[in-house]
Amino acid sequence: MILEEIQKGISSVTQIAATAGISKGMTYNHLRELKAMGYITDGDSGYVITDAGRIASI
């Protein structure tokens, strides 16, 4: 779900947490894991999904 939200252009932790129905702390944990796996990266205006992340979200 987090990958799908980032793919839609939502990169605010608050918005992602609200959509996923989890706390901001848990959202940060998931984002850190997704980044470590190479599914997301830091962009100029927030998180950006990578090609690997697009494949994983299918």
Protein backbone atom coordinates (compact mmCIF):
# COMPACT_ATOMS: atom_id res chain seq x y z
CA MET A 1 0.00 0.00 0.00
CA ILE A 2 2.85 2.40 0.82
CA LEU A 3 4.50 1.75 -2.54
CA GLU A 4 1.20 2.43 -4.30
CA GLU A 5 0.78 5.74 -2.47
CA ILE A 6 4.30 6.85 -3.36
CA GLN A 7 3.69 5.80 -6.95
CA LYS A 8 0.60 8.06 -6.96
CA GLY A 9 2.84 10.96 -5.92
CA ILE A 10 2.03 11.04 -2.20
CA SER A 11 5.29 11.33 -0.27
CA SER A 12 4.10 12.93 2.97
CA VAL A 13 4.57 10.56 5.90
CA THR A 14 1.42 11.94 7.51
CA GLN A 15 -0.67 11.26 4.40
CA ILE A 16 0.80 7.79 3.90
CA ALA A 17 0.15 6.91 7.55
CA ALA A 18 -3.45 8.12 7.35
CA THR A 19 -4.13 6.20 4.15
CA ALA A 20 -2.51 3.02 5.45
CA GLY A 21 -4.17 3.35 8.85
CA ILE A 22 -0.91 3.05 10.78
CA SER A 23 1.07 5.39 13.02
CA LYS A 24 3.70 7.76 11.66
CA GLY A 25 6.36 5.83 13.59
CA MET A 26 5.35 2.59 11.90
CA THR A 27 5.26 4.40 8.55
CA TYR A 28 8.84 5.59 9.07
CA ASN A 29 9.88 2.00 9.85
CA HIS A 30 8.28 0.72 6.65
CA LEU A 31 9.81 3.53 4.60
CA ARG A 32 13.25 2.76 6.02
CA GLU A 33 12.83 -0.93 5.08
CA LEU A 34 11.57 -0.09 1.59
CA LYS A 35 14.54 2.22 1.09
CA ALA A 36 16.99 -0.44 2.30
CA MET A 37 15.47 -2.92 -0.18
CA GLY A 38 15.91 -0.40 -3.00
CA TYR A 39 12.18 0.06 -3.66
CA ILE A 40 12.18 3.79 -2.88
CA THR A 41 14.75 6.56 -2.80
CA ASP A 42 14.89 10.17 -1.70
CA GLY A 43 13.82 12.66 -4.34
CA ASP A 44 13.80 16.45 -4.42
CA SER A 45 10.27 16.64 -3.04
CA GLY A 46 10.09 13.46 -0.97
CA TYR A 47 10.20 9.75 -1.60
CA VAL A 48 10.33 8.40 -5.16
CA ILE A 49 9.57 4.84 -6.20
CA THR A 50 12.35 3.05 -8.09
CA ASP A 51 11.99 0.60 -10.97
CA ALA A 52 12.35 -2.26 -8.47
CA GLY A 53 9.57 -0.69 -6.41
CA ARG A 54 7.29 -0.48 -9.44
CA ILE A 55 7.85 -4.17 -10.14
CA ALA A 56 7.23 -5.07 -6.48
CA SER A 57 3.94 -3.15 -6.42
CA ILE A 58 2.44 -5.16 -9.29
